[in-house]
Protein backbone atom coordinates (compact mmCIF):
# COMPACT_ATOMS: atom_id res chain seq x y z
CA MET A 1 41.96 99.23 81.02
CA ILE A 2 39.13 96.99 79.52
CA SER A 3 39.29 94.26 77.28
CA THR A 4 36.74 93.55 74.23
CA LEU A 5 35.12 90.43 76.21
CA GLU A 6 34.78 92.96 79.28
CA LYS A 7 33.14 94.94 76.46
CA GLU A 8 30.95 92.78 75.17
CA VAL A 9 29.31 91.42 78.03
CA THR A 10 28.78 94.24 79.60
CA LEU A 11 26.66 95.71 76.22
CA ARG A 12 25.13 92.05 76.77
CA PHE A 13 24.06 92.71 80.28
CA LEU A 14 22.42 96.33 79.18
CA ARG A 15 20.25 95.02 76.78
CA ALA A 16 17.12 94.68 77.16
CA ARG A 17 15.46 91.01 77.08
CA LYS A 18 11.87 89.42 77.97
CA LYS A 19 12.47 87.50 81.21
CA ASP A 20 14.47 90.04 82.59
CA GLY A 21 11.29 92.03 82.33
CA PHE A 22 11.28 93.69 86.38
CA LEU A 23 14.79 94.59 85.61
CA ASN A 24 14.85 96.34 83.05
CA VAL A 25 11.55 98.57 84.65
CA ILE A 26 13.98 99.42 87.39
CA SER A 27 16.97 100.61 84.62
CA ILE A 28 14.28 102.46 83.32
CA PHE A 29 13.53 104.32 86.33
CA SER A 30 17.11 104.85 87.37
CA PHE A 31 17.73 106.37 84.19
CA ILE A 32 14.56 108.99 84.23
CA GLY A 33 15.31 109.34 87.90
CA ILE A 34 19.29 110.42 87.33
CA SER A 35 18.38 112.24 84.33
CA LEU A 36 15.43 114.46 85.49
CA GLY A 37 17.49 115.28 88.97
CA VAL A 38 20.24 116.48 86.15
CA ALA A 39 17.93 118.44 84.22
CA VAL A 40 15.57 120.02 87.54
CA LEU A 41 19.74 121.19 89.15
CA ILE A 42 20.45 122.67 85.67
CA ILE A 43 17.25 124.34 85.20
CA VAL A 44 16.77 125.59 88.85
CA MET A 45 20.61 126.94 89.39
CA SER A 46 20.25 128.92 85.69
CA VAL A 47 16.82 130.43 86.55
CA MET A 48 18.75 131.20 89.93
CA ASN A 49 22.05 132.42 88.17
CA GLY A 50 19.90 134.16 86.27
CA PHE A 51 17.79 136.20 88.58
CA ARG A 52 20.98 137.30 90.49
CA ALA A 53 22.89 138.70 87.30
CA GLU A 54 19.74 140.25 86.30
CA LEU A 55 18.76 141.70 89.84
CA ILE A 56 22.89 142.83 89.51
CA ASN A 57 22.43 144.84 86.22
CA LYS A 58 18.91 146.31 87.03
CA ILE A 59 20.42 147.29 90.66
CA VAL A 60 23.84 148.69 88.97
CA GLY A 61 21.67 150.08 86.38
CA PHE A 62 19.57 151.83 88.04
CA ASN A 63 21.97 152.87 91.44
CA PRO A 64 25.44 154.47 91.26
CA HIS A 65 27.87 152.09 91.54
CA ILE A 66 29.86 154.14 94.64
CA THR A 67 28.60 156.86 96.71
CA VAL A 68 30.41 159.38 98.66
CA GLN A 69 28.59 161.02 101.65
CA THR A 70 30.05 163.98 102.97
CA TYR A 71 29.88 165.27 106.02
CA ASN A 72 28.89 169.07 105.45
CA ASN A 73 31.88 169.33 103.24
CA ARG A 74 31.29 170.07 99.40
CA ILE A 75 32.79 167.84 97.02
CA LYS A 76 34.17 169.54 94.48
CA LEU A 77 34.62 167.79 91.03
CA ASP A 78 37.87 169.73 89.45
CA SER A 79 40.17 168.99 92.59
CA ILE A 80 39.32 164.73 92.09
CA ASN A 81 42.33 162.64 91.62
CA GLN A 82 43.38 161.57 88.28
CA ASN A 83 43.77 157.98 89.33
CA LEU A 84 39.87 158.40 89.89
CA LYS A 85 38.77 159.80 86.71
CA ASN A 86 40.67 156.79 85.06
CA ILE A 87 38.41 153.93 86.52
CA SER A 88 35.09 156.43 86.54
CA LYS A 89 33.17 156.90 83.62
CA ASP A 90 30.88 159.45 84.89
CA LEU A 91 31.14 161.84 88.45
CA ILE A 92 27.42 162.56 88.92
CA LEU A 93 27.01 165.31 92.10
CA SER A 94 23.20 164.40 93.27
CA ASN A 95 21.07 164.65 96.43
CA SER A 96 17.97 163.04 98.14
CA GLY A 97 14.97 163.30 100.25
CA GLU A 98 12.05 161.61 101.08
CA ALA A 99 8.33 162.99 99.95
CA ILE A 100 4.90 162.03 100.00
CA ILE A 101 3.36 162.69 96.67
CA ILE A 102 -0.32 163.24 96.16
CA LYS A 103 -2.75 163.29 93.49
CA LYS A 104 -6.44 163.53 94.34
CA ASN A 105 -7.54 161.45 97.04
CA ILE A 106 -4.55 159.00 96.65
CA SER A 107 -1.12 159.56 98.46
CA LYS A 108 2.27 157.57 98.48
CA GLY A 109 5.35 157.99 100.18
CA VAL A 110 8.55 158.01 97.30
CA LEU A 111 12.32 158.87 97.04
CA LEU A 112 13.03 162.07 95.62
CA ARG A 113 16.60 162.10 93.97
CA GLY A 114 18.27 165.21 92.71
CA TYR A 115 20.35 165.51 89.51
CA LYS A 116 21.31 168.68 87.40
CA SER A 117 19.34 169.29 83.82
CA ASN A 118 22.56 167.89 81.67
CA ASP A 119 23.39 165.00 84.33
CA PHE A 120 20.32 163.18 84.23
CA SER A 121 20.53 162.17 80.33
CA LYS A 122 23.70 160.59 81.79
CA LEU A 123 22.12 157.77 83.98
CA LYS A 124 22.46 154.32 82.75
CA ILE A 125 18.53 154.30 82.83
CA PHE A 126 17.87 155.69 79.63
CA GLU A 127 19.14 152.57 77.85
CA ASN A 128 15.78 151.32 79.04
CA LYS A 129 12.11 152.41 77.75
CA PHE A 130 11.18 155.89 78.21
CA LEU A 131 7.61 156.88 77.31
CA SER A 132 8.62 160.54 76.43
CA ASP A 133 9.94 162.76 73.39
CA ASN A 134 11.82 165.01 75.33
CA ASN A 135 13.28 162.58 78.59
CA ASP A 136 16.64 163.42 78.58
CA LYS A 137 16.37 167.21 80.52
CA LEU A 138 15.03 167.94 84.27
CA PRO A 139 13.67 171.34 84.08
CA LYS A 140 13.16 172.82 87.71
CA ASN A 141 9.68 172.36 89.14
CA PHE A 142 9.47 169.26 86.60
CA ILE A 143 9.31 165.59 87.75
CA SER A 144 10.15 162.34 85.83
CA ILE A 145 8.00 159.03 87.79
CA GLY A 146 8.33 155.34 86.97
CA LYS A 147 5.52 153.18 85.15
CA GLU A 148 4.61 151.40 88.47
CA LEU A 149 3.89 154.99 90.27
CA SER A 150 2.11 156.03 87.07
CA PHE A 151 0.11 153.13 87.23
CA THR A 152 -0.73 153.39 90.95
CA LEU A 153 -1.76 157.08 90.73
CA ASN A 154 -3.11 156.86 87.30
CA LEU A 155 -1.21 159.78 86.15
CA ASP A 156 0.50 160.74 82.18
CA ILE A 157 3.08 162.88 80.95
CA GLY A 158 2.06 166.87 81.49
CA ASP A 159 -0.47 165.71 84.77
CA SER A 160 0.51 167.44 87.80
CA VAL A 161 0.75 166.31 91.01
CA THR A 162 1.75 167.50 94.45
CA LEU A 163 4.58 166.84 96.82
CA MET A 164 4.62 167.29 100.81
CA SER A 165 8.11 167.51 102.06
CA SER A 166 9.39 166.64 105.84
CA VAL A 167 11.03 169.77 105.94
CA GLY A 168 8.34 172.29 107.97
CA ILE A 169 7.52 176.13 107.33
CA GLU A 170 6.76 178.20 109.91
CA THR A 171 3.15 180.12 109.63
CA LEU A 172 0.55 181.46 112.43
CA ILE A 173 -0.58 178.60 113.17
CA GLY A 174 2.63 176.71 113.63
CA SER A 175 5.01 174.61 111.55
CA LEU A 176 3.35 173.36 108.48
CA PRO A 177 4.87 170.32 106.01
CA LYS A 178 6.68 172.36 102.89
CA GLN A 179 4.50 171.43 99.64
CA LYS A 180 4.85 172.41 96.17
CA THR A 181 3.75 171.24 92.66
CA PHE A 182 5.21 169.72 89.88
CA LEU A 183 4.62 168.94 85.93
CA ILE A 184 5.40 165.12 85.08
CA SER A 185 8.31 165.69 82.16
CA SER A 186 8.27 162.04 81.43
CA ILE A 187 7.40 158.19 82.72
CA PHE A 188 10.40 155.58 82.83
CA GLU A 189 10.59 151.77 83.21
CA SER A 190 13.85 150.63 84.75
CA GLY A 191 12.53 146.89 84.52
CA MET A 192 12.43 146.43 88.46
CA ALA A 193 8.85 147.34 89.63
CA GLU A 194 10.26 148.14 93.42
CA PHE A 195 12.36 150.92 92.07
CA ASP A 196 9.81 152.13 89.17
CA ASN A 197 6.87 152.39 92.17
CA ASN A 198 8.68 154.32 94.84
CA VAL A 199 11.68 156.14 93.00
CA ALA A 200 11.37 159.94 91.32
CA PHE A 201 13.57 162.14 89.99
CA VAL A 202 13.35 166.09 90.13
CA ASN A 203 15.89 169.10 89.09
CA LEU A 204 18.50 169.43 92.09
CA LYS A 205 18.36 172.72 92.47
CA THR A 206 14.68 172.25 92.95
CA LEU A 207 15.27 169.53 95.53
CA GLU A 208 17.36 171.49 97.58
CA GLN A 209 15.02 174.21 97.92
CA PHE A 210 12.42 172.14 98.24
CA PHE A 211 14.21 170.16 101.67
CA ASN A 212 16.64 173.05 102.75
CA LEU A 213 19.32 171.30 101.69
CA ASP A 214 22.90 173.31 100.50
CA GLU A 215 25.47 172.50 98.48
CA ASN A 216 27.75 170.90 101.34
CA ASP A 217 24.84 168.42 101.35
CA ARG A 218 25.34 166.82 98.00
CA ASN A 219 27.18 163.32 97.38
CA LEU A 220 29.10 162.26 94.54
CA GLU A 221 27.87 159.31 92.36
CA ILE A 222 30.28 157.82 90.69
CA TYR A 223 29.90 155.32 87.49
CA LEU A 224 32.73 152.45 87.15
CA ASN A 225 34.20 151.45 83.93
CA ASN A 226 33.82 148.52 85.61
CA PRO A 227 31.48 148.00 88.38
CA LYS A 228 32.31 144.15 88.81
CA ASN A 229 35.60 144.63 90.53
CA ILE A 230 33.92 146.64 92.99
CA GLU A 231 35.56 145.95 96.25
CA TYR A 232 39.30 147.03 94.64
CA GLN A 233 37.78 150.25 93.13
CA LYS A 234 35.87 151.21 96.43
CA SER A 235 39.31 151.17 98.42
CA ILE A 236 41.12 153.16 95.90
CA ILE A 237 38.01 155.96 96.24
CA GLN A 238 37.87 155.66 99.69
CA ASN A 239 41.54 156.80 99.54
CA ASN A 240 40.66 159.74 97.56
CA PHE A 241 38.23 160.46 99.96
CA PRO A 242 39.26 159.50 103.71
CA ASN A 243 36.94 161.31 106.02
CA MET A 244 33.66 160.39 104.05
CA PHE A 245 31.48 157.89 103.78
CA VAL A 246 31.95 155.47 100.59
CA SER A 247 29.59 152.88 99.94
CA SER A 248 29.07 150.83 96.93
CA TRP A 249 25.81 148.97 95.10
CA SER A 250 27.14 145.82 96.70
CA ASP A 251 27.38 146.86 100.10
CA MET A 252 23.64 148.49 100.03
CA ASN A 253 22.26 144.83 99.02
CA SER A 254 24.22 142.47 100.42
CA SER A 255 21.87 141.20 102.53
CA LEU A 256 19.79 140.56 99.63
CA PHE A 257 22.87 138.83 97.74
CA SER A 258 23.60 136.78 100.85
CA ALA A 259 20.16 135.52 100.83
CA LEU A 260 20.44 134.44 97.40
CA LYS A 261 23.68 132.74 97.77
CA VAL A 262 22.42 131.21 100.60
CA GLU A 263 19.24 129.63 98.63
CA ARG A 264 21.27 128.93 95.68
CA ASN A 265 23.39 126.37 97.91
CA VAL A 266 20.31 124.99 99.53
CA MET A 267 18.49 124.57 96.43
CA PHE A 268 21.33 122.39 95.20
CA ILE A 269 21.80 120.26 98.33
CA ILE A 270 18.20 119.51 97.89
CA LEU A 271 17.41 119.02 94.41
CA SER A 272 21.03 116.61 95.04
CA LEU A 273 18.79 114.32 96.52
CA ILE A 274 16.85 113.46 93.72
CA ILE A 275 20.12 111.92 92.17
CA ILE A 276 20.79 110.26 94.93
CA VAL A 277 17.32 108.32 95.51
CA ALA A 278 17.37 107.57 92.09
CA ALA A 279 20.77 106.34 91.91
CA PHE A 280 20.25 104.07 94.43
CA ASN A 281 18.07 102.28 91.98
CA ILE A 282 21.12 101.04 90.45
CA ILE A 283 22.37 99.04 93.45
CA SER A 284 18.61 97.60 93.26
CA GLY A 285 18.70 96.85 89.84
CA LEU A 286 22.69 95.55 89.60
CA THR A 287 21.68 93.31 92.61
CA ILE A 288 19.09 91.50 91.15
CA LEU A 289 20.90 92.04 87.80
CA VAL A 290 23.57 89.70 89.51
CA LYS A 291 20.97 87.49 90.91
CA ASN A 292 20.00 86.66 87.21
CA LYS A 293 22.80 86.16 85.80
CA THR A 294 24.66 83.70 88.37
CA ARG A 295 24.87 80.91 86.36
CA ASP A 296 26.54 83.41 83.47
CA ILE A 297 29.10 84.64 85.96
CA ALA A 298 29.84 81.18 87.39
CA ILE A 299 30.65 79.79 83.56
CA LEU A 300 32.95 83.00 83.08
CA LYS A 301 34.86 82.54 85.91
CA SER A 302 35.36 78.26 84.85
CA ILE A 303 36.49 79.43 81.72
CA GLY A 304 39.19 81.48 83.90
CA VAL A 305 37.48 85.19 83.79
CA LEU A 306 39.30 86.66 86.73
CA ASN A 307 37.45 88.32 89.85
CA LYS A 308 38.36 91.64 88.78
CA SER A 309 37.02 91.19 85.30
CA ILE A 310 33.57 90.24 86.70
CA VAL A 311 33.91 93.74 89.02
CA LYS A 312 34.56 95.79 85.78
CA ILE A 313 31.84 94.07 83.93
CA PHE A 314 28.98 94.96 86.72
CA PHE A 315 30.71 98.56 87.47
CA LEU A 316 30.75 99.49 83.71
CA THR A 317 27.05 98.40 83.82
CA GLY A 318 26.05 100.80 86.57
CA VAL A 319 28.32 103.75 85.46
CA THR A 320 27.38 103.45 81.83
CA ILE A 321 23.68 103.76 83.08
CA GLY A 322 24.29 106.55 85.35
CA THR A 323 26.30 108.40 82.47
CA LEU A 324 24.39 108.13 79.70
CA ALA A 325 21.20 109.14 82.05
CA THR A 326 23.54 112.23 83.16
CA ILE A 327 24.30 113.01 79.84
CA PHE A 328 20.54 112.50 78.58
CA GLY A 329 19.96 115.35 81.73
CA ILE A 330 22.22 117.88 80.61
CA VAL A 331 20.90 118.09 77.13
CA LEU A 332 17.31 118.01 78.84
CA GLY A 333 18.27 120.77 81.38
CA VAL A 334 19.99 122.78 78.68
CA THR A 335 17.33 123.13 76.82
CA PHE A 336 14.37 124.16 79.20
CA SER A 337 17.04 126.93 80.71
CA LEU A 338 17.17 128.20 76.76
CA TYR A 339 13.54 128.48 76.68
CA VAL A 340 12.31 128.88 80.14
CA GLU A 341 10.65 132.27 79.25
CA ASN A 342 8.52 130.50 76.21
CA LEU A 343 7.11 127.59 78.27
CA ARG A 344 6.25 130.32 81.52
CA GLU A 345 4.74 132.27 79.07
CA LEU A 346 2.83 129.05 77.59
CA LEU A 347 1.71 127.84 80.97
CA SER A 348 0.75 131.42 82.39
CA SER A 349 -1.76 131.86 79.16
CA VAL A 350 -2.76 127.83 79.31
CA PHE A 351 -3.71 127.91 82.72
CA ASN A 352 -4.59 131.69 83.32
CA ILE A 353 -2.29 131.91 85.92
CA SER A 354 0.45 134.59 86.86
CA LEU A 355 3.93 132.66 87.09
CA PHE A 356 6.70 134.39 88.29
CA PRO A 357 4.98 138.16 89.36
CA GLU A 358 6.99 140.78 88.46
CA GLU A 359 5.21 143.03 91.82
CA ILE A 360 7.31 140.04 93.67
CA TYR A 361 10.54 139.51 92.05
CA PHE A 362 11.71 143.06 90.83
CA LEU A 363 11.79 141.31 87.08
CA SER A 364 9.42 141.71 84.26
CA SER A 365 10.36 137.83 82.56
CA MET A 366 12.06 135.13 84.35
CA PRO A 367 16.04 135.17 83.61
CA SER A 368 18.16 131.73 82.83
CA GLU A 369 21.79 131.80 82.50
CA ILE A 370 23.38 128.87 82.22
CA ASN A 371 26.64 128.24 83.47
CA PRO A 372 29.25 125.95 82.18
CA PHE A 373 31.20 125.28 85.67
CA SER A 374 27.89 124.88 87.59
CA ILE A 375 26.66 122.42 84.82
CA LEU A 376 30.25 120.45 85.21
CA ILE A 377 29.93 120.36 88.69
CA ILE A 378 26.40 118.92 88.69
CA SER A 379 27.60 116.08 85.97
CA ILE A 380 30.62 115.27 88.45
CA CYS A 381 28.74 115.37 91.24
CA SER A 382 26.03 112.66 89.38
CA ILE A 383 28.35 110.23 88.09
CA PHE A 384 30.66 110.43 90.72
CA ILE A 385 26.99 109.22 93.02
CA THR A 386 26.52 106.75 90.50
CA ILE A 387 30.56 105.59 90.81
CA ILE A 388 29.99 105.03 94.46
CA VAL A 389 26.60 102.95 94.20
CA SER A 390 27.81 100.69 91.53
CA ILE A 391 30.89 99.21 93.71
CA PHE A 392 29.11 97.21 95.85
CA PRO A 393 26.53 94.80 93.85
CA ALA A 394 30.32 94.80 91.49
CA LEU A 395 32.17 93.66 94.17
CA LYS A 396 28.58 91.36 95.83
CA ALA A 397 29.16 89.58 91.78
CA ALA A 398 32.62 88.95 92.14
CA LYS A 399 32.69 86.81 95.21
CA LEU A 400 30.12 84.59 93.97
CA ASP A 401 31.43 80.99 94.06
CA PRO A 402 31.18 79.17 90.47
CA ILE A 403 31.29 75.70 92.17
CA LYS A 404 28.02 75.92 94.42
CA ALA A 405 26.45 78.19 91.31
CA LEU A 406 26.92 75.17 88.64
CA LYS A 407 26.22 72.74 91.26
CA TYR A 408 22.53 72.28 89.87
CA GLU A 409 22.36 73.52 86.76
């Protein structure tokens, strides 16, 4: 327990006095350093959590949750197990192939994904913005392209483009790549520039004719009711298709999310050094405080104050500075995290620079997700560091000999 005397003396030592000017400067810098360290850690962790969550939402929204690839075995939707239907929102047959899209003198490689016209409207991408009045249909010989691709090739709805297949056709002069003209029916915006620039949708029958594929080559795309618990649900689906290759959105992007996890952990360790450096200023401040308060410590000991009370007084002084700085840092960090996108837009407009460019980070805005558990871990680490650095000066103060301290007073 902490006695009233210990509280009063601690509060007195924390109050600013003119003769303790240099000590006050050290205390202020310790407070600012710890606060900034905590705030920066919260901001960085929130942005990285938000980036990961937004990236997952975009990937899950654009790609199937689980894909079943066949080995020349036709998948029949009417023969699918009832357990699979219970965990699934939609079951869609699809096919894909790589082609080159040509418009005048510009060409670009794209991934073509084929769907039946009535299945196309089931894709989650329809929750995003579509630049067309009739975008839920995918008729034959029509194509739906991304916004970034339309900018790259200067295309609009109703324009025609030529697609070149990797499949060849035999002619009198040899084998030539198959080509076909498509009309643009819609322009979509997934929110990820990488997808918008490299993926296009066509009718399933048209795609299979274009790439010389048949119904045995079709894949089954499974959209789950809850895509979070992906590994468990993947095992259920694998049991339903034991002789087929089953992959999830997590498998297809495992290297990306592993890199994000490593980066987040490394950033946490590096930025924690800011708190550690700032906390060491508390040692300097408390050591100077012990030196300045030698006479006061001696008087307290001479009137019967125990050594453990002296330890508590100086320990509380250091911990109070660290705790208040941590609380202020949490408030500062959470506030910045909530308005980080507004701050990015302000800095971009004031300095006329592009912060968080979409073509590099795949996202059109800076995301932020405040995780209470992360804030709790950061707070505990900050206070724990403060406790550690406050122990040594407090013990030093308790070892002071009152006779020597008062000898020349």
